[in-house]
C-alpha cells in the first residue's frame, strides 16, 4: 500500500498541516519554522505524556541537503502526531524544544541515525539530544537474526508487518532547505519518524 497524503490546513506565515494515511493509521503532520507553533506542539505532547503515557518514546529523524552536513529539518513523532521543524529557515527555536531534547525521561529513537546528533549540533541552533537510540541494534527476526545491517524497508516489514515502506534515495538527496517542502518530502520525513516511534514503543525503548 502506498501511503496517501493531503494538505489539511495551512497558514502561510506559520505552518502547514497535512493528513497522512499510513496503512490503517491516520497521522497529523505539522510542518513549520515558527517557534510559536513548535512550542504549542510540544506543550500538547507533554500534556498527553503526563496524562496517558508516563515515560515517553519519540521517533526522531533529520534531513539535510547534500553536500551540506547540517540538518535542515528535524522531525519528531509521538503516536499519530508528527512535527517537521524547518531548522534551516527558523530564526530561533524555543527553549522548550531544547529542554525536550535533553529530557532524561524521554527516549528518542530512529533507524540508521548514527550521524543525526552531529547534524543537529552543526545547525546554527546547536541542538543536543540526551539519548538517541539506533533501533537497528535491537530489532531481530522471529528466528532471532540480527537486523543491524538491514534496510529500513526490511526492518519495518519484519517488525511491524508493513511491506514496501522505503525511504527513497532521490528524496533523501533532494533540497530540504526550501520554504515549501514537497508532498514526497513531507511523506518520507513523516514515515521515517513514525515507524521509528512504533518500533521503539513496541520494544519498550526506555528499558534498552
Protein backbone atom coordinates (compact mmCIF):
# COMPACT_ATOMS: atom_id res chain seq x y z
CA UNK A 1 0.00 0.00 0.00
CA UNK A 2 1.24 3.48 -0.86
CA UNK A 3 0.69 5.98 1.98
CA UNK A 4 -1.61 8.85 1.00
CA UNK A 5 -1.06 12.49 1.87
CA UNK A 6 -3.17 15.62 1.60
CA UNK A 7 -2.92 19.15 2.96
CA UNK A 8 -5.45 19.74 5.71
CA UNK A 9 -4.85 23.36 6.62
CA UNK A 10 -2.19 26.00 6.25
CA UNK A 11 -1.22 29.44 7.43
CA UNK A 12 1.36 30.92 5.05
CA UNK A 13 3.36 32.60 7.80
CA UNK A 14 3.30 29.86 10.40
CA UNK A 15 2.65 26.26 9.39
CA UNK A 16 1.19 23.69 7.06
CA UNK A 17 -0.86 20.82 8.38
CA UNK A 18 -1.00 17.56 6.43
CA UNK A 19 -3.01 14.37 6.76
CA UNK A 20 -1.08 11.17 6.03
CA UNK A 21 -2.83 7.81 5.77
CA UNK A 22 -0.23 5.19 6.66
CA UNK A 23 -1.91 1.83 6.17
CA UNK A 24 -4.66 1.91 8.86
CA UNK A 25 -3.17 4.82 10.80
CA UNK A 26 -4.09 8.47 10.10
CA UNK A 27 -1.18 10.77 11.02
CA UNK A 28 -1.39 14.53 11.51
CA UNK A 29 1.80 16.23 10.31
CA UNK A 30 2.69 19.82 11.16
CA UNK A 31 5.44 21.49 9.09
CA UNK A 32 6.79 24.76 10.45
CA UNK A 33 9.76 27.04 11.12
CA UNK A 34 7.79 29.02 13.73
CA UNK A 35 8.97 28.86 17.33
CA UNK A 36 5.40 29.57 18.44
CA UNK A 37 4.00 26.58 16.56
CA UNK A 38 6.81 24.32 17.83
CA UNK A 39 6.12 25.46 21.38
CA UNK A 40 2.40 24.72 21.08
CA UNK A 41 3.00 21.26 19.58
CA UNK A 42 5.44 20.31 22.34
CA UNK A 43 3.16 21.57 25.12
CA UNK A 44 0.37 19.37 23.77
CA UNK A 45 2.74 16.40 23.54
CA UNK A 46 3.97 16.89 27.11
CA UNK A 47 0.40 17.22 28.37
CA UNK A 48 -0.55 13.94 26.71
CA UNK A 49 2.52 12.25 28.19
CA UNK A 50 1.61 13.31 31.71
CA UNK A 51 -1.97 12.20 31.24
CA UNK A 52 -1.55 8.91 29.37
CA UNK A 53 1.99 7.78 28.70
CA UNK A 54 4.40 8.28 31.60
CA UNK A 55 7.87 7.77 30.12
CA UNK A 56 7.90 8.92 26.52
CA UNK A 57 9.30 7.40 23.33
CA UNK A 58 9.73 9.80 20.41
CA UNK A 59 10.56 8.92 16.82
CA UNK A 60 13.27 11.32 15.67
CA UNK A 61 14.89 11.91 12.31
CA UNK A 62 16.70 14.63 10.42
CA UNK A 63 17.03 15.59 6.77
CA UNK A 64 19.75 17.63 5.13
CA UNK A 65 20.72 18.85 1.68
CA UNK A 66 23.96 17.39 0.30
CA UNK A 67 26.74 18.46 0.15
CA UNK A 68 25.83 20.40 3.31
CA UNK A 69 26.06 18.37 6.52
CA UNK A 70 23.94 20.34 9.00
CA UNK A 71 20.34 19.29 9.49
CA UNK A 72 17.76 21.27 7.52
CA UNK A 73 14.81 19.61 9.23
CA UNK A 74 14.10 17.83 12.48
CA UNK A 75 11.13 15.51 12.57
CA UNK A 76 9.52 14.25 15.77
CA UNK A 77 6.71 11.73 16.05
CA UNK A 78 4.62 10.62 19.02
CA UNK A 79 1.68 8.37 18.25
CA UNK A 80 -0.27 9.76 15.31
CA UNK A 81 1.19 13.26 15.62
CA UNK A 82 4.34 14.32 13.77
CA UNK A 83 6.19 17.63 13.69
CA UNK A 84 8.65 18.65 10.98
CA UNK A 85 10.71 21.64 12.12
CA UNK A 86 12.40 23.55 9.30
CA UNK A 87 15.58 24.36 11.21
CA UNK A 88 17.38 26.00 8.30
CA UNK A 89 14.53 28.52 7.98
CA UNK A 90 13.93 29.07 11.70
CA UNK A 91 15.07 32.40 13.13
CA UNK A 92 15.14 30.77 16.56
CA UNK A 93 13.99 27.66 18.38
CA UNK A 94 12.05 27.79 21.64
CA UNK A 95 13.67 26.87 24.95
CA UNK A 96 11.03 24.16 25.43
CA UNK A 97 12.47 22.32 22.41
CA UNK A 98 15.99 22.37 23.87
CA UNK A 99 14.67 21.11 27.21
CA UNK A 100 12.56 18.47 25.49
CA UNK A 101 15.55 17.08 23.59
CA UNK A 102 17.60 16.93 26.81
CA UNK A 103 14.84 15.39 28.97
CA UNK A 104 16.23 12.25 30.64
CA UNK A 105 12.68 10.82 30.86
CA UNK A 106 12.35 10.85 27.08
CA UNK A 107 13.92 8.25 24.80
CA UNK A 108 14.44 9.34 21.19
CA UNK A 109 14.62 6.58 18.61
CA UNK A 110 15.45 6.25 14.93
CA UNK A 111 16.82 3.87 12.30
CA UNK A 112 20.24 4.33 10.67
CA UNK A 113 20.64 7.54 12.67
CA UNK A 114 24.33 7.42 13.58
CA UNK A 115 25.05 10.95 12.35
CA UNK A 116 21.81 12.66 13.42
CA UNK A 117 23.14 14.07 16.69
CA UNK A 118 26.15 15.58 14.93
CA UNK A 119 23.97 17.12 12.21
CA UNK A 120 21.69 18.71 14.81
CA UNK A 121 24.68 20.19 16.64
CA UNK A 122 26.05 21.58 13.38
CA UNK A 123 22.98 23.75 12.77
CA UNK A 124 23.08 27.39 13.82
CA UNK A 125 20.80 26.39 16.71
CA UNK A 126 23.36 23.87 18.05
CA UNK A 127 20.79 21.35 19.29
CA UNK A 128 21.73 18.46 21.56
CA UNK A 129 19.86 15.23 22.34
CA UNK A 130 20.11 13.49 25.72
CA UNK A 131 19.67 9.97 24.34
CA UNK A 132 19.17 8.82 20.77
CA UNK A 133 18.77 5.08 20.22
CA UNK A 134 19.50 3.39 16.89
CA UNK A 135 16.86 0.66 16.82
CA UNK A 136 18.90 -1.49 14.42
CA UNK A 137 20.88 -2.69 17.42
CA UNK A 138 17.78 -4.26 18.98
CA UNK A 139 15.44 -5.44 16.22
CA UNK A 140 15.54 -9.11 15.25
CA UNK A 141 13.66 -11.52 13.05
CA UNK A 142 11.35 -14.15 14.52
CA UNK A 143 14.25 -16.57 14.24
CA UNK A 144 16.49 -14.30 16.30
CA UNK A 145 18.56 -12.98 13.39
CA UNK A 146 20.02 -9.53 13.94
CA UNK A 147 18.78 -6.79 11.61
CA UNK A 148 21.63 -4.41 12.42
CA UNK A 149 22.66 -4.17 8.75
CA UNK A 150 19.18 -4.39 7.26
CA UNK A 151 17.37 -1.69 5.29
CA UNK A 152 14.56 0.35 6.78
CA UNK A 153 12.20 -1.50 4.43
CA UNK A 154 13.17 -4.92 5.81
CA UNK A 155 13.19 -3.77 9.43
CA UNK A 156 9.68 -2.33 9.11
CA UNK A 157 8.37 -5.43 7.35
CA UNK A 158 9.95 -7.82 9.86
CA UNK A 159 8.90 -5.90 12.98
CA UNK A 160 5.66 -4.12 12.04
CA UNK A 161 4.45 -6.28 9.16
CA UNK A 162 4.19 -3.39 6.69
CA UNK A 163 5.52 -4.24 3.24
CA UNK A 164 7.16 -1.82 0.83
CA UNK A 165 7.98 1.01 3.24
CA UNK A 166 11.03 2.53 1.54
CA UNK A 167 12.99 5.72 2.08
CA UNK A 168 13.73 6.81 -1.47
CA UNK A 169 17.30 7.94 -2.09
CA UNK A 170 16.35 10.67 -4.55
CA UNK A 171 14.03 12.22 -2.00
CA UNK A 172 16.63 11.92 0.76
CA UNK A 173 19.14 13.70 -1.50
CA UNK A 174 16.74 16.49 -2.51
CA UNK A 175 16.69 20.13 -1.37
CA UNK A 176 15.43 20.25 2.21
CA UNK A 177 16.03 23.94 2.92
CA UNK A 178 13.19 25.12 0.66
CA UNK A 179 10.28 27.03 2.16
CA UNK A 180 7.62 24.66 0.84
CA UNK A 181 8.57 21.01 1.13
CA UNK A 182 7.05 18.73 -1.50
CA UNK A 183 4.41 16.14 -0.64
CA UNK A 184 7.05 13.46 -1.20
CA UNK A 185 9.45 15.10 1.25
CA UNK A 186 6.78 15.54 3.92
CA UNK A 187 5.62 11.96 3.45
CA UNK A 188 9.12 10.48 3.71
CA UNK A 189 10.10 12.58 6.75
CA UNK A 190 6.85 11.64 8.48
CA UNK A 191 7.11 7.90 7.77
CA UNK A 192 10.76 7.84 8.86
CA UNK A 193 9.88 9.21 12.30
CA UNK A 194 6.58 7.35 12.64
CA UNK A 195 7.90 3.82 12.05
CA UNK A 196 10.75 4.56 14.48
CA UNK A 197 8.20 5.56 17.11
CA UNK A 198 6.12 2.42 16.54
CA UNK A 199 9.12 0.10 16.77
CA UNK A 200 10.57 1.97 19.75
CA UNK A 201 7.26 1.76 21.61
CA UNK A 202 6.94 -1.95 20.84
CA UNK A 203 10.49 -2.63 22.05
CA UNK A 204 9.93 -0.52 25.20
CA UNK A 205 12.92 1.56 24.21
CA UNK A 206 13.08 3.32 27.57
CA UNK A 207 14.29 0.00 29.00
CA UNK A 208 17.01 -0.61 26.39
